[in-house]
Amino acid sequence: MSRALLVASIVSVCSVLLIACASDPSQGWAFGSGFDEEVETIAVPVFANNTFATGLEARLTEAITKEIQTTTPWRIVRASSAELVLTGTITDAELGVLAIQEGTGFTLEQATEVVVDFEVERAGVGEPILARRNFAATASFVPTQPVGERLEVGQTDAINELARDIVAELRDNW
């Protein structure tokens, strides 16, 4: 294949893709980030925790902050100087059994579920522009030997999934 034919093929494919893309992500394909480009800053105060699972609030807030820093164009700032404020509450943290070994009754696999309520508001407005209730993520872990994973493994996986999902909800189609 000649170089000119290869270049012409690439240009054709790119032009077809550009024609197929919409500037509004809710209308079809888009090459933009999908986050409000007019917003530059967001605050993420530590989530409240209404469960007995201590420490989840700090771990979730840190995971959300890292996800915002790596996947959005926004900077994390204090609430007093932010354009958006993301607040939330961990409302439930459950532990369930997924598999039991026959004969012994030992738990082979467990699941942990973390449930949150969160909202985003424009600073100073006081009215949420986005609110989600009972937003949950579940992850499994294997507590028995030889794997011997701790509860924190499942919780970390659930927290990271929640962080990805919450930040994905922040796309500008509110």
C-alpha atoms as a PDB file:
ATOM      1  CA  MET A   1       0.000   0.000   0.000  1.00  0.00           C
ATOM      2  CA  SER A   2       1.413   3.343  -0.957  1.00  0.00           C
ATOM      3  CA  ARG A   3       1.961   6.068   1.604  1.00  0.00           C
ATOM      4  CA  ALA A   4      -0.476   8.430  -0.182  1.00  0.00           C
ATOM      5  CA  LEU A   5      -3.229   5.806  -0.090  1.00  0.00           C
ATOM      6  CA  LEU A   6      -2.616   5.193   3.615  1.00  0.00           C
ATOM      7  CA  VAL A   7      -2.792   8.931   4.410  1.00  0.00           C
ATOM      8  CA  ALA A   8      -5.979   9.292   2.328  1.00  0.00           C
ATOM      9  CA  SER A   9      -7.559   6.365   4.206  1.00  0.00           C
ATOM     10  CA  ILE A  10      -6.722   7.856   7.593  1.00  0.00           C
ATOM     11  CA  VAL A  11      -8.088  11.271   6.589  1.00  0.00           C
ATOM     12  CA  SER A  12     -11.309   9.660   5.343  1.00  0.00           C
ATOM     13  CA  VAL A  13     -11.844   7.719   8.558  1.00  0.00           C
ATOM     14  CA  CYS A  14     -11.173  10.802  10.694  1.00  0.00           C
ATOM     15  CA  SER A  15     -13.566  12.959   8.692  1.00  0.00           C
ATOM     16  CA  VAL A  16     -16.330  10.345   8.995  1.00  0.00           C
ATOM     17  CA  LEU A  17     -15.782  10.175  12.749  1.00  0.00           C
ATOM     18  CA  LEU A  18     -15.898  13.957  13.083  1.00  0.00           C
ATOM     19  CA  ILE A  19     -19.156  14.126  11.134  1.00  0.00           C
ATOM     20  CA  ALA A  20     -20.650  11.456  13.422  1.00  0.00           C
ATOM     21  CA  CYS A  21     -19.702  13.291  16.599  1.00  0.00           C
ATOM     22  CA  ALA A  22     -21.994  15.682  18.388  1.00  0.00           C
ATOM     23  CA  SER A  23     -20.822  18.648  20.416  1.00  0.00           C
ATOM     24  CA  ASP A  24     -23.391  17.713  23.085  1.00  0.00           C
ATOM     25  CA  PRO A  25     -22.502  14.351  24.721  1.00  0.00           C
ATOM     26  CA  SER A  26     -26.173  13.579  25.369  1.00  0.00           C
ATOM     27  CA  GLN A  27     -26.824  13.765  21.604  1.00  0.00           C
ATOM     28  CA  GLY A  28     -24.239  11.197  20.523  1.00  0.00           C
ATOM     29  CA  TRP A  29     -20.509  10.771  20.337  1.00  0.00           C
ATOM     30  CA  ALA A  30     -18.308  13.593  21.572  1.00  0.00           C
ATOM     31  CA  PHE A  31     -14.589  14.148  21.840  1.00  0.00           C
ATOM     32  CA  GLY A  32     -14.832  16.649  24.711  1.00  0.00           C
ATOM     33  CA  SER A  33     -14.490  15.732  28.379  1.00  0.00           C
ATOM     34  CA  GLY A  34     -18.221  16.088  29.046  1.00  0.00           C
ATOM     35  CA  PHE A  35     -17.566  18.191  32.125  1.00  0.00           C
ATOM     36  CA  ASP A  36     -18.739  21.809  32.329  1.00  0.00           C
ATOM     37  CA  GLU A  37     -15.848  23.740  30.781  1.00  0.00           C
ATOM     38  CA  GLU A  38     -16.940  26.971  32.467  1.00  0.00           C
ATOM     39  CA  VAL A  39     -16.370  25.445  35.904  1.00  0.00           C
ATOM     40  CA  GLU A  40     -12.775  25.540  37.092  1.00  0.00           C
ATOM     41  CA  THR A  41     -12.985  24.661  40.789  1.00  0.00           C
ATOM     42  CA  ILE A  42     -14.812  22.223  43.039  1.00  0.00           C
ATOM     43  CA  ALA A  43     -14.756  21.572  46.775  1.00  0.00           C
ATOM     44  CA  VAL A  44     -15.197  18.124  48.281  1.00  0.00           C
ATOM     45  CA  PRO A  45     -15.625  18.367  52.052  1.00  0.00           C
ATOM     46  CA  VAL A  46     -15.225  15.101  53.962  1.00  0.00           C
ATOM     47  CA  PHE A  47     -18.387  13.039  53.584  1.00  0.00           C
ATOM     48  CA  ALA A  48     -20.469  12.424  56.698  1.00  0.00           C
ATOM     49  CA  ASN A  49     -20.697   8.835  57.912  1.00  0.00           C
ATOM     50  CA  ASN A  50     -23.915   7.546  59.484  1.00  0.00           C
ATOM     51  CA  THR A  51     -22.590   3.988  59.834  1.00  0.00           C
ATOM     52  CA  PHE A  52     -20.471   2.145  62.370  1.00  0.00           C
ATOM     53  CA  ALA A  53     -17.792   1.516  59.711  1.00  0.00           C
ATOM     54  CA  THR A  54     -15.226   4.055  60.816  1.00  0.00           C
ATOM     55  CA  GLY A  55     -12.847   5.670  58.368  1.00  0.00           C
ATOM     56  CA  LEU A  56     -14.934   5.099  55.244  1.00  0.00           C
ATOM     57  CA  GLU A  57     -15.739   8.807  54.982  1.00  0.00           C
ATOM     58  CA  ALA A  58     -12.092   9.867  54.730  1.00  0.00           C
ATOM     59  CA  ARG A  59     -11.235   7.065  52.294  1.00  0.00           C
ATOM     60  CA  LEU A  60     -14.224   7.869  50.059  1.00  0.00           C
ATOM     61  CA  THR A  61     -13.500  11.606  50.060  1.00  0.00           C
ATOM     62  CA  GLU A  62      -9.869  10.938  49.138  1.00  0.00           C
ATOM     63  CA  ALA A  63     -10.893   8.563  46.327  1.00  0.00           C
ATOM     64  CA  ILE A  64     -13.365  11.113  44.912  1.00  0.00           C
ATOM     65  CA  THR A  65     -10.737  13.861  45.095  1.00  0.00           C
ATOM     66  CA  LYS A  66      -8.196  11.729  43.222  1.00  0.00           C
ATOM     67  CA  GLU A  67     -10.790  10.770  40.604  1.00  0.00           C
ATOM     68  CA  ILE A  68     -11.702  14.436  40.047  1.00  0.00           C
ATOM     69  CA  GLN A  69      -8.020  15.360  39.722  1.00  0.00           C
ATOM     70  CA  THR A  70      -7.304  12.629  37.179  1.00  0.00           C
ATOM     71  CA  THR A  71     -10.458  12.682  35.035  1.00  0.00           C
ATOM     72  CA  THR A  72     -11.822  16.227  35.071  1.00  0.00           C
ATOM     73  CA  PRO A  73     -10.435  19.647  34.147  1.00  0.00           C
ATOM     74  CA  TRP A  74     -11.345  20.971  37.610  1.00  0.00           C
ATOM     75  CA  ARG A  75      -9.111  21.928  40.534  1.00  0.00           C
ATOM     76  CA  ILE A  76      -9.908  20.945  44.125  1.00  0.00           C
ATOM     77  CA  VAL A  77     -10.170  23.994  46.405  1.00  0.00           C
ATOM     78  CA  ARG A  78     -11.691  24.986  49.742  1.00  0.00           C
ATOM     79  CA  ALA A  79     -15.470  25.408  49.831  1.00  0.00           C
ATOM     80  CA  SER A  80     -15.132  29.163  50.405  1.00  0.00           C
ATOM     81  CA  SER A  81     -13.475  29.650  46.997  1.00  0.00           C
ATOM     82  CA  ALA A  82     -15.120  26.875  44.922  1.00  0.00           C
ATOM     83  CA  GLU A  83     -17.609  27.224  42.092  1.00  0.00           C
ATOM     84  CA  LEU A  84     -19.143  23.800  42.858  1.00  0.00           C
ATOM     85  CA  VAL A  85     -19.426  21.989  46.178  1.00  0.00           C
ATOM     86  CA  LEU A  86     -19.891  18.212  46.354  1.00  0.00           C
ATOM     87  CA  THR A  87     -21.215  17.017  49.704  1.00  0.00           C
ATOM     88  CA  GLY A  88     -22.393  13.622  50.786  1.00  0.00           C
ATOM     89  CA  THR A  89     -23.225  11.127  53.491  1.00  0.00           C
ATOM     90  CA  ILE A  90     -22.424   7.450  53.758  1.00  0.00           C
ATOM     91  CA  THR A  91     -25.793   6.042  54.750  1.00  0.00           C
ATOM     92  CA  ASP A  92     -25.060   2.314  54.850  1.00  0.00           C
ATOM     93  CA  ALA A  93     -22.150  -0.111  54.832  1.00  0.00           C
ATOM     94  CA  GLU A  94     -23.271  -3.725  54.694  1.00  0.00           C
ATOM     95  CA  LEU A  95     -21.415  -7.018  54.718  1.00  0.00           C
ATOM     96  CA  GLY A  96     -22.970 -10.072  53.103  1.00  0.00           C
ATOM     97  CA  VAL A  97     -22.077 -13.688  52.450  1.00  0.00           C
ATOM     98  CA  LEU A  98     -21.760 -14.780  48.818  1.00  0.00           C
ATOM     99  CA  ALA A  99     -20.481 -18.350  49.182  1.00  0.00           C
ATOM    100  CA  ILE A 100     -20.246 -20.876  52.018  1.00  0.00           C
ATOM    101  CA  GLN A 101     -18.143 -24.029  51.978  1.00  0.00           C
ATOM    102  CA  GLU A 102     -20.272 -27.147  52.108  1.00  0.00           C
ATOM    103  CA  GLY A 103     -19.724 -29.292  55.191  1.00  0.00           C
ATOM    104  CA  THR A 104     -17.844 -26.711  57.255  1.00  0.00           C
ATOM    105  CA  GLY A 105     -20.027 -23.649  56.908  1.00  0.00           C
ATOM    106  CA  PHE A 106     -16.960 -21.427  56.479  1.00  0.00           C
ATOM    107  CA  THR A 107     -17.523 -18.284  54.464  1.00  0.00           C
ATOM    108  CA  LEU A 108     -15.645 -18.531  51.170  1.00  0.00           C
ATOM    109  CA  GLU A 109     -16.601 -15.188  49.634  1.00  0.00           C
ATOM    110  CA  GLN A 110     -18.161 -12.037  51.053  1.00  0.00           C
ATOM    111  CA  ALA A 111     -19.496  -8.811  49.602  1.00  0.00           C
ATOM    112  CA  THR A 112     -19.366  -5.334  51.017  1.00  0.00           C
ATOM    113  CA  GLU A 113     -21.774  -2.644  49.885  1.00  0.00           C
ATOM    114  CA  VAL A 114     -21.346   1.068  50.531  1.00  0.00           C
ATOM    115  CA  VAL A 115     -24.348   3.366  50.011  1.00  0.00           C
ATOM    116  CA  VAL A 116     -24.183   7.161  49.821  1.00  0.00           C
ATOM    117  CA  ASP A 117     -26.394  10.173  49.306  1.00  0.00           C
ATOM    118  CA  PHE A 118     -24.653  13.106  47.617  1.00  0.00           C
ATOM    119  CA  GLU A 119     -25.413  16.434  46.025  1.00  0.00           C
ATOM    120  CA  VAL A 120     -23.639  19.112  44.054  1.00  0.00           C
ATOM    121  CA  GLU A 121     -24.520  22.768  44.295  1.00  0.00           C
ATOM    122  CA  ARG A 122     -23.164  25.947  42.828  1.00  0.00           C
ATOM    123  CA  ALA A 123     -21.389  27.834  45.582  1.00  0.00           C
ATOM    124  CA  GLY A 124     -23.570  30.488  47.162  1.00  0.00           C
ATOM    125  CA  VAL A 125     -26.781  29.308  45.481  1.00  0.00           C
ATOM    126  CA  GLY A 126     -27.830  26.842  48.178  1.00  0.00           C
ATOM    127  CA  GLU A 127     -29.924  24.719  45.848  1.00  0.00           C
ATOM    128  CA  PRO A 128     -28.591  21.396  44.519  1.00  0.00           C
ATOM    129  CA  ILE A 129     -28.043  21.120  40.770  1.00  0.00           C
ATOM    130  CA  LEU A 130     -27.492  17.376  41.133  1.00  0.00           C
ATOM    131  CA  ALA A 131     -28.649  15.044  43.898  1.00  0.00           C
ATOM    132  CA  ARG A 132     -28.543  11.269  44.158  1.00  0.00           C
ATOM    133  CA  ARG A 133     -29.960   9.097  46.929  1.00  0.00           C
ATOM    134  CA  ASN A 134     -29.057   5.488  47.726  1.00  0.00           C
ATOM    135  CA  PHE A 135     -26.124   5.542  45.307  1.00  0.00           C
ATOM    136  CA  ALA A 136     -24.350   2.228  45.917  1.00  0.00           C
ATOM    137  CA  ALA A 137     -21.341   0.139  44.959  1.00  0.00           C
ATOM    138  CA  THR A 138     -20.618  -3.462  45.874  1.00  0.00           C
ATOM    139  CA  ALA A 139     -17.373  -5.397  45.828  1.00  0.00           C
ATOM    140  CA  SER A 140     -16.422  -8.907  46.845  1.00  0.00           C
ATOM    141  CA  PHE A 141     -13.436 -10.316  48.691  1.00  0.00           C
ATOM    142  CA  VAL A 142     -12.248 -13.761  49.817  1.00  0.00           C
ATOM    143  CA  PRO A 143     -11.604 -13.874  53.580  1.00  0.00           C
ATOM    144  CA  THR A 144     -10.660 -17.576  53.816  1.00  0.00           C
ATOM    145  CA  GLN A 145      -7.241 -19.091  53.380  1.00  0.00           C
ATOM    146  CA  PRO A 146      -5.215 -19.376  51.225  1.00  0.00           C
ATOM    147  CA  VAL A 147      -6.290 -15.938  49.916  1.00  0.00           C
ATOM    148  CA  GLY A 148      -7.147 -14.405  53.288  1.00  0.00           C
ATOM    149  CA  GLU A 149      -8.240 -10.958  52.069  1.00  0.00           C
ATOM    150  CA  ARG A 150      -9.277  -8.485  54.733  1.00  0.00           C
ATOM    151  CA  LEU A 151     -12.556  -6.574  54.790  1.00  0.00           C
ATOM    152  CA  GLU A 152     -10.644  -3.448  53.744  1.00  0.00           C
ATOM    153  CA  VAL A 153      -9.951  -5.020  50.336  1.00  0.00           C
ATOM    154  CA  GLY A 154     -13.664  -5.205  49.559  1.00  0.00           C
ATOM    155  CA  GLN A 155     -14.313  -1.789  51.049  1.00  0.00           C
ATOM    156  CA  THR A 156     -11.520  -0.202  48.998  1.00  0.00           C
ATOM    157  CA  ASP A 157     -12.868  -1.735  45.786  1.00  0.00           C
ATOM    158  CA  ALA A 158     -16.399  -0.501  46.592  1.00  0.00           C
ATOM    159  CA  ILE A 159     -15.096   2.967  47.512  1.00  0.00           C
ATOM    160  CA  ASN A 160     -13.090   3.258  44.292  1.00  0.00           C
ATOM    161  CA  GLU A 161     -16.110   2.188  42.239  1.00  0.00           C
ATOM    162  CA  LEU A 162     -18.275   4.746  44.063  1.00  0.00           C
ATOM    163  CA  ALA A 163     -15.702   7.474  43.395  1.00  0.00           C
ATOM    164  CA  ARG A 164     -15.629   6.663  39.657  1.00  0.00           C
ATOM    165  CA  ASP A 165     -19.434   6.556  39.494  1.00  0.00           C
ATOM    166  CA  ILE A 166     -19.947   9.775  41.468  1.00  0.00           C
ATOM    167  CA  VAL A 167     -17.469  11.706  39.297  1.00  0.00           C
ATOM    168  CA  ALA A 168     -19.111  10.267  36.176  1.00  0.00           C
ATOM    169  CA  GLU A 169     -22.406  11.740  37.432  1.00  0.00           C
ATOM    170  CA  LEU A 170     -20.750  15.187  37.436  1.00  0.00           C
ATOM    171  CA  ARG A 171     -20.760  15.397  33.653  1.00  0.00           C
ATOM    172  CA  ASP A 172     -22.412  18.591  32.439  1.00  0.00           C
ATOM    173  CA  ASN A 173     -25.779  17.089  31.451  1.00  0.00           C
ATOM    174  CA  TRP A 174     -27.463  18.208  34.687  1.00  0.00           C
END
